[in-house]
Amino acid sequence: MVEQRQGRKGGAVVVSAAVLGAFAVTGCAGGGGASGQAVADDRPSSRAVSDDAVLGAADALVEAGSARARTSMETASGGTRVTIQGEGGYDFRRPVGQLTVVLPQDPAGAEEHRPVTELMTPDALYMKNRGAGVPADKWVRIDTSTLQDGNLVTGGATDPLAAAELLRGARELTYVGSERVEGVLVQHFRGSTDIGRAAREARSPVRTALEAAAKGFTTVTVPFDAYVDEEGRLRKVKHRFSFSNGRTTVAVTSTTVLFDFGAPVAVRLPDQRDIYAGRIRA
């Protein structure tokens, strides 16, 4: 694994602390995401997937229309590992998505956290069961352009479309080989992506969030592994972020797995009256 050290300008980084205070837990949890099973080092003769499939992954997802999604975000700091799991669906054409994010059980025996419902849009993240003084029937809305990471890690899951758009800044691509993800033959590529370059190349709905991330990180290079099927669709992507606040380093591995392409995804954004306007405890 290529390790890149990244930090946000002007402040310490605690993953999810700015938005999901309930995610600041301790203890260890299992690894993240579905793992690929190596089957061969040659590409299928029916259709060779080129490097362009990685650069154009977001375009292929929009063409596919929608998909079910499973996410995993693992944080590691000081020997402690915490994994946050999510599952739901994403409509790449609208584009909007919905995930149910499950927090790891607190080994210290603290009160168990309820699953958090997240609605993802290019300009906002909505959360229900946020906790921290927010009524259970209310949503919290966060403008993603105000987040220093553009919501690449803050919400405990990377927006699937943003994860694909991030690949537009890919460079130094290496073909690893053929594998199977969720039983599907895929081509595995490894490389690093430049957030600033990706922001310049991204579709307009996602560009603002990536521009915020490009400004918020002191180092904008992110190592990744991408897995593309024979139709050019992104089946799995794993990004490795690393933050430093001057005292400690937090490594974050964000994995997104996509399957059941074309499955209907119904996402209804909350009415204004259902959005919490009060103070949120840290």
C-alpha atoms as a PDB file:
ATOM      1  CA  MET A   1       0.000   0.000   0.000  1.00  0.00           C
ATOM      2  CA  VAL A   2       1.272   3.433  -0.904  1.00  0.00           C
ATOM      3  CA  GLU A   3       0.911   5.691   2.093  1.00  0.00           C
ATOM      4  CA  GLN A   4       0.174   9.377   1.631  1.00  0.00           C
ATOM      5  CA  ARG A   5      -0.013  11.704   4.576  1.00  0.00           C
ATOM      6  CA  GLN A   6      -2.735  14.321   4.338  1.00  0.00           C
ATOM      7  CA  GLY A   7      -4.006  17.004   6.610  1.00  0.00           C
ATOM      8  CA  ARG A   8      -6.699  19.649   6.637  1.00  0.00           C
ATOM      9  CA  LYS A   9      -5.724  23.266   6.805  1.00  0.00           C
ATOM     10  CA  GLY A  10      -6.220  25.071  10.068  1.00  0.00           C
ATOM     11  CA  GLY A  11      -7.372  22.421  12.491  1.00  0.00           C
ATOM     12  CA  ALA A  12      -7.249  18.962  13.954  1.00  0.00           C
ATOM     13  CA  VAL A  13      -9.053  16.151  12.208  1.00  0.00           C
ATOM     14  CA  VAL A  14     -11.356  13.753  14.017  1.00  0.00           C
ATOM     15  CA  VAL A  15     -13.193  11.650  11.475  1.00  0.00           C
ATOM     16  CA  SER A  16     -16.920  12.392  11.594  1.00  0.00           C
ATOM     17  CA  ALA A  17     -16.604  14.551  14.712  1.00  0.00           C
ATOM     18  CA  ALA A  18     -17.786  17.663  12.917  1.00  0.00           C
ATOM     19  CA  VAL A  19     -20.982  15.996  11.755  1.00  0.00           C
ATOM     20  CA  LEU A  20     -21.430  12.583  13.332  1.00  0.00           C
ATOM     21  CA  GLY A  21     -20.199  12.978  16.886  1.00  0.00           C
ATOM     22  CA  ALA A  22     -21.558   9.525  17.626  1.00  0.00           C
ATOM     23  CA  PHE A  23     -18.900   8.075  15.310  1.00  0.00           C
ATOM     24  CA  ALA A  24     -16.106   9.091  17.693  1.00  0.00           C
ATOM     25  CA  VAL A  25     -15.987   5.696  19.399  1.00  0.00           C
ATOM     26  CA  THR A  26     -13.151   3.508  20.565  1.00  0.00           C
ATOM     27  CA  GLY A  27     -12.353  -0.138  20.089  1.00  0.00           C
ATOM     28  CA  CYS A  28     -11.737  -2.497  17.196  1.00  0.00           C
ATOM     29  CA  ALA A  29     -14.041  -3.744  14.480  1.00  0.00           C
ATOM     30  CA  GLY A  30     -13.803  -5.993  11.434  1.00  0.00           C
ATOM     31  CA  GLY A  31     -12.355  -5.038   8.074  1.00  0.00           C
ATOM     32  CA  GLY A  32     -14.192  -3.087   5.412  1.00  0.00           C
ATOM     33  CA  GLY A  33     -16.000  -4.050   2.265  1.00  0.00           C
ATOM     34  CA  ALA A  34     -16.070  -7.076   0.056  1.00  0.00           C
ATOM     35  CA  SER A  35     -12.693  -8.389  -0.910  1.00  0.00           C
ATOM     36  CA  GLY A  36     -11.772  -9.373  -4.456  1.00  0.00           C
ATOM     37  CA  GLN A  37     -10.766 -12.950  -5.182  1.00  0.00           C
ATOM     38  CA  ALA A  38      -7.852 -13.242  -7.601  1.00  0.00           C
ATOM     39  CA  VAL A  39      -8.520 -15.588 -10.490  1.00  0.00           C
ATOM     40  CA  ALA A  40      -6.031 -14.672 -13.216  1.00  0.00           C
ATOM     41  CA  ASP A  41      -3.588 -12.057 -14.410  1.00  0.00           C
ATOM     42  CA  ASP A  42      -4.989 -11.720 -17.937  1.00  0.00           C
ATOM     43  CA  ARG A  43      -7.942  -9.720 -19.157  1.00  0.00           C
ATOM     44  CA  PRO A  44     -10.952 -11.507 -20.665  1.00  0.00           C
ATOM     45  CA  SER A  45     -10.641 -11.960 -24.428  1.00  0.00           C
ATOM     46  CA  SER A  46     -14.269 -10.860 -24.949  1.00  0.00           C
ATOM     47  CA  ARG A  47     -13.494  -7.286 -23.998  1.00  0.00           C
ATOM     48  CA  ALA A  48     -10.295  -5.772 -22.701  1.00  0.00           C
ATOM     49  CA  VAL A  49     -11.037  -3.053 -20.149  1.00  0.00           C
ATOM     50  CA  SER A  50      -8.670  -0.129 -20.681  1.00  0.00           C
ATOM     51  CA  ASP A  51      -7.336   2.462 -18.285  1.00  0.00           C
ATOM     52  CA  ASP A  52      -9.930   4.839 -19.725  1.00  0.00           C
ATOM     53  CA  ALA A  53     -12.580   2.848 -17.863  1.00  0.00           C
ATOM     54  CA  VAL A  54     -11.124   4.124 -14.591  1.00  0.00           C
ATOM     55  CA  LEU A  55     -10.992   7.736 -15.748  1.00  0.00           C
ATOM     56  CA  GLY A  56     -14.554   7.503 -17.075  1.00  0.00           C
ATOM     57  CA  ALA A  57     -16.013   5.433 -14.245  1.00  0.00           C
ATOM     58  CA  ALA A  58     -18.489   8.157 -13.269  1.00  0.00           C
ATOM     59  CA  ASP A  59     -19.800   8.405 -16.856  1.00  0.00           C
ATOM     60  CA  ALA A  60     -20.432   4.650 -16.957  1.00  0.00           C
ATOM     61  CA  LEU A  61     -22.363   4.812 -13.678  1.00  0.00           C
ATOM     62  CA  VAL A  62     -24.578   7.616 -14.961  1.00  0.00           C
ATOM     63  CA  GLU A  63     -25.244   5.532 -18.079  1.00  0.00           C
ATOM     64  CA  ALA A  64     -26.126   2.537 -15.881  1.00  0.00           C
ATOM     65  CA  GLY A  65     -28.657   4.729 -14.064  1.00  0.00           C
ATOM     66  CA  SER A  66     -28.679   3.264 -10.560  1.00  0.00           C
ATOM     67  CA  ALA A  67     -27.236   0.555  -8.338  1.00  0.00           C
ATOM     68  CA  ARG A  68     -27.351  -0.912  -4.890  1.00  0.00           C
ATOM     69  CA  ALA A  69     -24.397   0.119  -2.736  1.00  0.00           C
ATOM     70  CA  ARG A  70     -22.505  -1.170   0.237  1.00  0.00           C
ATOM     71  CA  THR A  71     -19.924   0.982   1.996  1.00  0.00           C
ATOM     72  CA  SER A  72     -17.283   0.516   4.636  1.00  0.00           C
ATOM     73  CA  MET A  73     -15.130   3.160   6.291  1.00  0.00           C
ATOM     74  CA  GLU A  74     -12.312   2.004   8.535  1.00  0.00           C
ATOM     75  CA  THR A  75     -10.363   4.442  10.671  1.00  0.00           C
ATOM     76  CA  ALA A  76      -7.090   3.584  12.362  1.00  0.00           C
ATOM     77  CA  SER A  77      -5.285   5.719  14.913  1.00  0.00           C
ATOM     78  CA  GLY A  78      -2.906   4.766  17.700  1.00  0.00           C
ATOM     79  CA  GLY A  79      -3.534   1.051  17.274  1.00  0.00           C
ATOM     80  CA  THR A  80      -7.328   1.466  17.411  1.00  0.00           C
ATOM     81  CA  ARG A  81      -9.439   0.463  14.435  1.00  0.00           C
ATOM     82  CA  VAL A  82     -13.097   1.368  13.987  1.00  0.00           C
ATOM     83  CA  THR A  83     -15.280   0.320  11.045  1.00  0.00           C
ATOM     84  CA  ILE A  84     -18.525   2.011   9.992  1.00  0.00           C
ATOM     85  CA  GLN A  85     -20.742   0.025   7.622  1.00  0.00           C
ATOM     86  CA  GLY A  86     -23.402   1.336   5.249  1.00  0.00           C
ATOM     87  CA  GLU A  87     -25.887  -0.116   2.784  1.00  0.00           C
ATOM     88  CA  GLY A  88     -28.472   1.345   0.424  1.00  0.00           C
ATOM     89  CA  GLY A  89     -28.851   2.544  -3.138  1.00  0.00           C
ATOM     90  CA  TYR A  90     -27.863   5.373  -5.458  1.00  0.00           C
ATOM     91  CA  ASP A  91     -29.521   7.012  -8.463  1.00  0.00           C
ATOM     92  CA  PHE A  92     -26.602   8.336 -10.497  1.00  0.00           C
ATOM     93  CA  ARG A  93     -28.756  10.365 -12.880  1.00  0.00           C
ATOM     94  CA  ARG A  94     -30.604  12.548 -10.379  1.00  0.00           C
ATOM     95  CA  PRO A  95     -28.047  12.193  -8.596  1.00  0.00           C
ATOM     96  CA  VAL A  96     -29.158  11.183  -5.070  1.00  0.00           C
ATOM     97  CA  GLY A  97     -28.602   8.234  -2.775  1.00  0.00           C
ATOM     98  CA  GLN A  98     -29.703   6.760   0.521  1.00  0.00           C
ATOM     99  CA  LEU A  99     -27.629   4.717   2.954  1.00  0.00           C
ATOM    100  CA  THR A 100     -28.291   3.205   6.350  1.00  0.00           C
ATOM    101  CA  VAL A 101     -25.060   3.660   8.266  1.00  0.00           C
ATOM    102  CA  VAL A 102     -24.369   1.336  11.187  1.00  0.00           C
ATOM    103  CA  LEU A 103     -21.992   2.340  13.933  1.00  0.00           C
ATOM    104  CA  PRO A 104     -19.754  -0.262  15.582  1.00  0.00           C
ATOM    105  CA  GLN A 105     -20.753  -1.501  19.004  1.00  0.00           C
ATOM    106  CA  ASP A 106     -19.008   0.328  21.801  1.00  0.00           C
ATOM    107  CA  PRO A 107     -16.844  -2.244  23.655  1.00  0.00           C
ATOM    108  CA  ALA A 108     -16.922  -0.058  26.765  1.00  0.00           C
ATOM    109  CA  GLY A 109     -20.622  -0.841  27.163  1.00  0.00           C
ATOM    110  CA  ALA A 110     -21.932   2.629  26.380  1.00  0.00           C
ATOM    111  CA  GLU A 111     -25.446   3.093  25.031  1.00  0.00           C
ATOM    112  CA  GLU A 112     -25.799   1.500  21.614  1.00  0.00           C
ATOM    113  CA  HIS A 113     -26.084   3.915  18.704  1.00  0.00           C
ATOM    114  CA  ARG A 114     -29.079   3.630  16.418  1.00  0.00           C
ATOM    115  CA  PRO A 115     -28.417   3.282  12.670  1.00  0.00           C
ATOM    116  CA  VAL A 116     -28.163   6.632  10.926  1.00  0.00           C
ATOM    117  CA  THR A 117     -30.111   7.232   7.717  1.00  0.00           C
ATOM    118  CA  GLU A 118     -28.159   9.368   5.250  1.00  0.00           C
ATOM    119  CA  LEU A 119     -29.479  11.026   2.110  1.00  0.00           C
ATOM    120  CA  MET A 120     -26.709  12.112  -0.246  1.00  0.00           C
ATOM    121  CA  THR A 121     -26.994  14.873  -2.827  1.00  0.00           C
ATOM    122  CA  PRO A 122     -24.246  16.820  -4.631  1.00  0.00           C
ATOM    123  CA  ASP A 123     -24.732  19.887  -2.439  1.00  0.00           C
ATOM    124  CA  ALA A 124     -26.017  18.512   0.872  1.00  0.00           C
ATOM    125  CA  LEU A 125     -25.908  15.590   3.285  1.00  0.00           C
ATOM    126  CA  TYR A 126     -29.084  14.821   5.247  1.00  0.00           C
ATOM    127  CA  MET A 127     -28.992  12.640   8.371  1.00  0.00           C
ATOM    128  CA  LYS A 128     -31.698  11.137  10.559  1.00  0.00           C
ATOM    129  CA  ASN A 129     -31.076   9.593  13.998  1.00  0.00           C
ATOM    130  CA  ARG A 130     -28.119  11.927  14.216  1.00  0.00           C
ATOM    131  CA  GLY A 131     -28.212  11.981  18.022  1.00  0.00           C
ATOM    132  CA  ALA A 132     -26.432  14.745  19.961  1.00  0.00           C
ATOM    133  CA  GLY A 133     -29.662  16.456  20.951  1.00  0.00           C
ATOM    134  CA  VAL A 134     -31.404  16.181  17.572  1.00  0.00           C
ATOM    135  CA  PRO A 135     -35.005  14.851  17.895  1.00  0.00           C
ATOM    136  CA  ALA A 136     -35.413  11.355  16.457  1.00  0.00           C
ATOM    137  CA  ASP A 137     -37.998  12.502  13.899  1.00  0.00           C
ATOM    138  CA  LYS A 138     -35.874  15.364  12.554  1.00  0.00           C
ATOM    139  CA  TRP A 139     -33.223  15.556   9.861  1.00  0.00           C
ATOM    140  CA  VAL A 140     -29.929  17.412   9.964  1.00  0.00           C
ATOM    141  CA  ARG A 141     -28.822  19.119   6.737  1.00  0.00           C
ATOM    142  CA  ILE A 142     -25.159  19.911   6.076  1.00  0.00           C
ATOM    143  CA  ASP A 143     -23.990  21.902   3.072  1.00  0.00           C
ATOM    144  CA  THR A 144     -21.185  19.766   1.612  1.00  0.00           C
ATOM    145  CA  SER A 145     -19.407  22.834   0.236  1.00  0.00           C
ATOM    146  CA  THR A 146     -18.791  23.945   3.835  1.00  0.00           C
ATOM    147  CA  LEU A 147     -17.070  20.677   4.750  1.00  0.00           C
ATOM    148  CA  GLN A 148     -13.307  20.763   4.340  1.00  0.00           C
ATOM    149  CA  ASP A 149     -13.329  17.259   2.899  1.00  0.00           C
ATOM    150  CA  GLY A 150     -16.357  17.805   0.639  1.00  0.00           C
ATOM    151  CA  ASN A 151     -18.001  14.896   2.525  1.00  0.00           C
ATOM    152  CA  LEU A 152     -15.475  12.365   1.265  1.00  0.00           C
ATOM    153  CA  VAL A 153     -15.149  10.998   4.822  1.00  0.00           C
ATOM    154  CA  THR A 154     -17.153  13.175   7.207  1.00  0.00           C
ATOM    155  CA  GLY A 155     -20.431  11.297   6.948  1.00  0.00           C
ATOM    156  CA  GLY A 156     -18.883   7.906   7.637  1.00  0.00           C
ATOM    157  CA  ALA A 157     -19.342   6.889   3.981  1.00  0.00           C
ATOM    158  CA  THR A 158     -18.100   8.345   0.710  1.00  0.00           C
ATOM    159  CA  ASP A 159     -20.832   9.445  -1.686  1.00  0.00           C
ATOM    160  CA  PRO A 160     -20.683   6.724  -4.409  1.00  0.00           C
ATOM    161  CA  LEU A 161     -20.800   9.206  -7.288  1.00  0.00           C
ATOM    162  CA  ALA A 162     -18.115  11.378  -5.666  1.00  0.00           C
ATOM    163  CA  ALA A 163     -15.992   8.246  -5.210  1.00  0.00           C
ATOM    164  CA  ALA A 164     -16.226   7.609  -8.953  1.00  0.00           C
ATOM    165  CA  GLU A 165     -15.704  11.261  -9.923  1.00  0.00           C
ATOM    166  CA  LEU A 166     -12.584  11.262  -7.774  1.00  0.00           C
ATOM    167  CA  LEU A 167     -11.053   8.782 -10.229  1.00  0.00           C
ATOM    168  CA  ARG A 168     -11.009  11.433 -12.972  1.00  0.00           C
ATOM    169  CA  GLY A 169      -7.790  12.662 -11.394  1.00  0.00           C
ATOM    170  CA  ALA A 170      -6.157   9.210 -11.640  1.00  0.00           C
ATOM    171  CA  ARG A 171      -2.505   8.938 -12.571  1.00  0.00           C
ATOM    172  CA  GLU A 172       0.223   6.285 -12.489  1.00  0.00           C
ATOM    173  CA  LEU A 173      -2.361   3.589 -13.182  1.00  0.00           C
ATOM    174  CA  THR A 174      -1.211  -0.007 -12.873  1.00  0.00           C
ATOM    175  CA  TYR A 175      -3.152  -3.019 -14.098  1.00  0.00           C
ATOM    176  CA  VAL A 176      -3.136  -5.642 -11.323  1.00  0.00           C
ATOM    177  CA  GLY A 177      -5.154  -8.461 -12.898  1.00  0.00           C
ATOM    178  CA  SER A 178      -8.529 -10.165 -13.138  1.00  0.00           C
ATOM    179  CA  GLU A 179     -10.493 -10.887  -9.963  1.00  0.00           C
ATOM    180  CA  ARG A 180     -14.054 -11.565  -8.876  1.00  0.00           C
ATOM    181  CA  VAL A 181     -16.104  -9.139  -6.815  1.00  0.00           C
ATOM    182  CA  GLU A 182     -19.561 -10.294  -5.735  1.00  0.00           C
ATOM    183  CA  GLY A 183     -19.111 -13.211  -8.158  1.00  0.00           C
ATOM    184  CA  VAL A 184     -18.517 -10.884 -11.131  1.00  0.00           C
ATOM    185  CA  LEU A 185     -15.293 -10.917 -13.164  1.00  0.00           C
ATOM    186  CA  VAL A 186     -13.591  -7.519 -12.884  1.00  0.00           C
ATOM    187  CA  GLN A 187     -10.340  -5.876 -13.857  1.00  0.00           C
ATOM    188  CA  HIS A 188      -8.320  -4.533 -10.937  1.00  0.00           C
ATOM    189  CA  PHE A 189      -6.429  -1.247 -11.333  1.00  0.00           C
ATOM    190  CA  ARG A 190      -4.260   0.528  -8.773  1.00  0.00           C
ATOM    191  CA  GLY A 191      -3.042   4.098  -8.747  1.00  0.00           C
ATOM    192  CA  SER A 192      -3.352   7.469  -7.099  1.00  0.00           C
ATOM    193  CA  THR A 193      -5.695  10.348  -7.823  1.00  0.00           C
ATOM    194  CA  ASP A 194      -5.294  14.086  -7.532  1.00  0.00           C
ATOM    195  CA  ILE A 195      -8.341  15.707  -5.909  1.00  0.00           C
ATOM    196  CA  GLY A 196      -7.729  19.062  -7.580  1.00  0.00           C
ATOM    197  CA  ARG A 197      -7.469  17.515 -11.032  1.00  0.00           C
ATOM    198  CA  ALA A 198     -10.577  15.426 -10.363  1.00  0.00           C
ATOM    199  CA  ALA A 199     -12.495  18.538  -9.315  1.00  0.00           C
ATOM    200  CA  ARG A 200     -11.600  20.294 -12.563  1.00  0.00           C
ATOM    201  CA  GLU A 201     -12.740  17.308 -14.639  1.00  0.00           C
ATOM    202  CA  ALA A 202     -15.825  16.324 -12.587  1.00  0.00           C
ATOM    203  CA  ARG A 203     -19.423  16.741 -13.675  1.00  0.00           C
ATOM    204  CA  SER A 204     -20.950  19.963 -12.385  1.00  0.00           C
ATOM    205  CA  PRO A 205     -23.216  18.375  -9.709  1.00  0.00           C
ATOM    206  CA  VAL A 206     -20.189  16.965  -7.852  1.00  0.00           C
ATOM    207  CA  ARG A 207     -17.578  19.553  -8.780  1.00  0.00           C
ATOM    208  CA  THR A 208     -18.318  21.933  -5.873  1.00  0.00           C
ATOM    209  CA  ALA A 209     -17.846  19.226  -3.244  1.00  0.00           C
ATOM    210  CA  LEU A 210     -14.543  18.088  -4.775  1.00  0.00           C
ATOM    211  CA  GLU A 211     -13.379  21.696  -5.044  1.00  0.00           C
ATOM    212  CA  ALA A 212     -13.998  22.051  -1.311  1.00  0.00           C
ATOM    213  CA  ALA A 213     -11.975  18.901  -0.679  1.00  0.00           C
ATOM    214  CA  ALA A 214      -9.149  20.136  -2.907  1.00  0.00           C
ATOM    215  CA  LYS A 215      -8.941  23.325  -0.853  1.00  0.00           C
ATOM    216  CA  GLY A 216      -9.338  21.596   2.490  1.00  0.00           C
ATOM    217  CA  PHE A 217      -6.551  19.041   2.163  1.00  0.00           C
ATOM    218  CA  THR A 218      -2.915  20.085   2.423  1.00  0.00           C
ATOM    219  CA  THR A 219      -1.970  17.042   0.289  1.00  0.00           C
ATOM    220  CA  VAL A 220      -4.389  16.119  -2.457  1.00  0.00           C
ATOM    221  CA  THR A 221      -2.969  12.775  -3.625  1.00  0.00           C
ATOM    222  CA  VAL A 222      -5.087   9.747  -2.665  1.00  0.00           C
ATOM    223  CA  PRO A 223      -4.061   6.117  -3.383  1.00  0.00           C
ATOM    224  CA  PHE A 224      -6.871   3.883  -4.665  1.00  0.00           C
ATOM    225  CA  ASP A 225      -7.816   0.454  -6.005  1.00  0.00           C
ATOM    226  CA  ALA A 226     -10.577   0.306  -8.623  1.00  0.00           C
ATOM    227  CA  TYR A 227     -12.388  -2.760  -9.945  1.00  0.00           C
ATOM    228  CA  VAL A 228     -14.220  -2.443 -13.290  1.00  0.00           C
ATOM    229  CA  ASP A 229     -16.438  -5.071 -14.939  1.00  0.00           C
ATOM    230  CA  GLU A 230     -16.528  -6.023 -18.631  1.00  0.00           C
ATOM    231  CA  GLU A 231     -19.214  -3.405 -19.276  1.00  0.00           C
ATOM    232  CA  GLY A 232     -16.915  -0.673 -17.944  1.00  0.00           C
ATOM    233  CA  ARG A 233     -18.953  -0.248 -14.749  1.00  0.00           C
ATOM    234  CA  LEU A 234     -17.227   0.417 -11.447  1.00  0.00           C
ATOM    235  CA  ARG A 235     -17.934  -2.515  -9.134  1.00  0.00           C
ATOM    236  CA  LYS A 236     -15.691  -1.599  -6.255  1.00  0.00           C
ATOM    237  CA  VAL A 237     -13.384   1.257  -5.314  1.00  0.00           C
ATOM    238  CA  LYS A 238     -11.182   1.695  -2.286  1.00  0.00           C
ATOM    239  CA  HIS A 239      -9.630   5.048  -1.390  1.00  0.00           C
ATOM    240  CA  ARG A 240      -6.973   5.477   1.303  1.00  0.00           C
ATOM    241  CA  PHE A 241      -6.923   8.803   3.094  1.00  0.00           C
ATOM    242  CA  SER A 242      -4.526   9.788   5.855  1.00  0.00           C
ATOM    243  CA  PHE A 243      -4.867  12.853   8.060  1.00  0.00           C
ATOM    244  CA  SER A 244      -2.349  14.452  10.377  1.00  0.00           C
ATOM    245  CA  ASN A 245      -3.186  17.075  12.985  1.00  0.00           C
ATOM    246  CA  GLY A 246       0.360  17.518  14.205  1.00  0.00           C
ATOM    247  CA  ARG A 247      -0.092  15.138  17.138  1.00  0.00           C
ATOM    248  CA  THR A 248      -1.410  11.934  15.616  1.00  0.00           C
ATOM    249  CA  THR A 249      -2.226  10.388  12.276  1.00  0.00           C
ATOM    250  CA  VAL A 250      -5.635   8.981  11.373  1.00  0.00           C
ATOM    251  CA  ALA A 251      -5.717   6.554   8.450  1.00  0.00           C
ATOM    252  CA  VAL A 252      -9.075   6.166   6.706  1.00  0.00           C
ATOM    253  CA  THR A 253      -9.894   3.441   4.184  1.00  0.00           C
ATOM    254  CA  SER A 254     -13.175   4.079   2.389  1.00  0.00           C
ATOM    255  CA  THR A 255     -14.609   1.211   0.321  1.00  0.00           C
ATOM    256  CA  THR A 256     -17.657   1.353  -1.950  1.00  0.00           C
ATOM    257  CA  VAL A 257     -19.111  -1.778  -3.564  1.00  0.00           C
ATOM    258  CA  LEU A 258     -21.772  -1.424  -6.289  1.00  0.00           C
ATOM    259  CA  PHE A 259     -24.113  -4.171  -7.531  1.00  0.00           C
ATOM    260  CA  ASP A 260     -27.633  -4.783  -8.921  1.00  0.00           C
ATOM    261  CA  PHE A 261     -27.252  -2.084 -11.574  1.00  0.00           C
ATOM    262  CA  GLY A 262     -30.572  -0.701 -12.760  1.00  0.00           C
ATOM    263  CA  ALA A 263     -32.369  -1.576  -9.515  1.00  0.00           C
ATOM    264  CA  PRO A 264     -34.962   1.105  -8.629  1.00  0.00           C
ATOM    265  CA  VAL A 265     -33.773   3.560  -5.988  1.00  0.00           C
ATOM    266  CA  ALA A 266     -36.426   5.763  -4.363  1.00  0.00           C
ATOM    267  CA  VAL A 267     -35.058   8.757  -2.475  1.00  0.00           C
ATOM    268  CA  ARG A 268     -37.344  11.450  -1.076  1.00  0.00           C
ATOM    269  CA  LEU A 269     -35.636  14.510   0.355  1.00  0.00           C
ATOM    270  CA  PRO A 270     -37.117  15.804   3.627  1.00  0.00           C
ATOM    271  CA  ASP A 271     -39.454  18.774   3.736  1.00  0.00           C
ATOM    272  CA  GLN A 272     -38.071  21.961   5.208  1.00  0.00           C
ATOM    273  CA  ARG A 273     -40.306  21.602   8.276  1.00  0.00           C
ATOM    274  CA  ASP A 274     -38.667  18.245   9.042  1.00  0.00           C
ATOM    275  CA  ILE A 275     -35.139  19.674   9.130  1.00  0.00           C
ATOM    276  CA  TYR A 276     -33.778  20.436  12.602  1.00  0.00           C
ATOM    277  CA  ALA A 277     -32.809  24.079  13.057  1.00  0.00           C
ATOM    278  CA  GLY A 278     -31.672  23.924  16.688  1.00  0.00           C
ATOM    279  CA  ARG A 279     -28.266  23.595  18.236  1.00  0.00           C
ATOM    280  CA  ILE A 280     -26.371  20.318  17.807  1.00  0.00           C
ATOM    281  CA  ARG A 281     -24.156  19.135  20.643  1.00  0.00           C
ATOM    282  CA  ALA A 282     -20.551  18.378  19.726  1.00  0.00           C
END
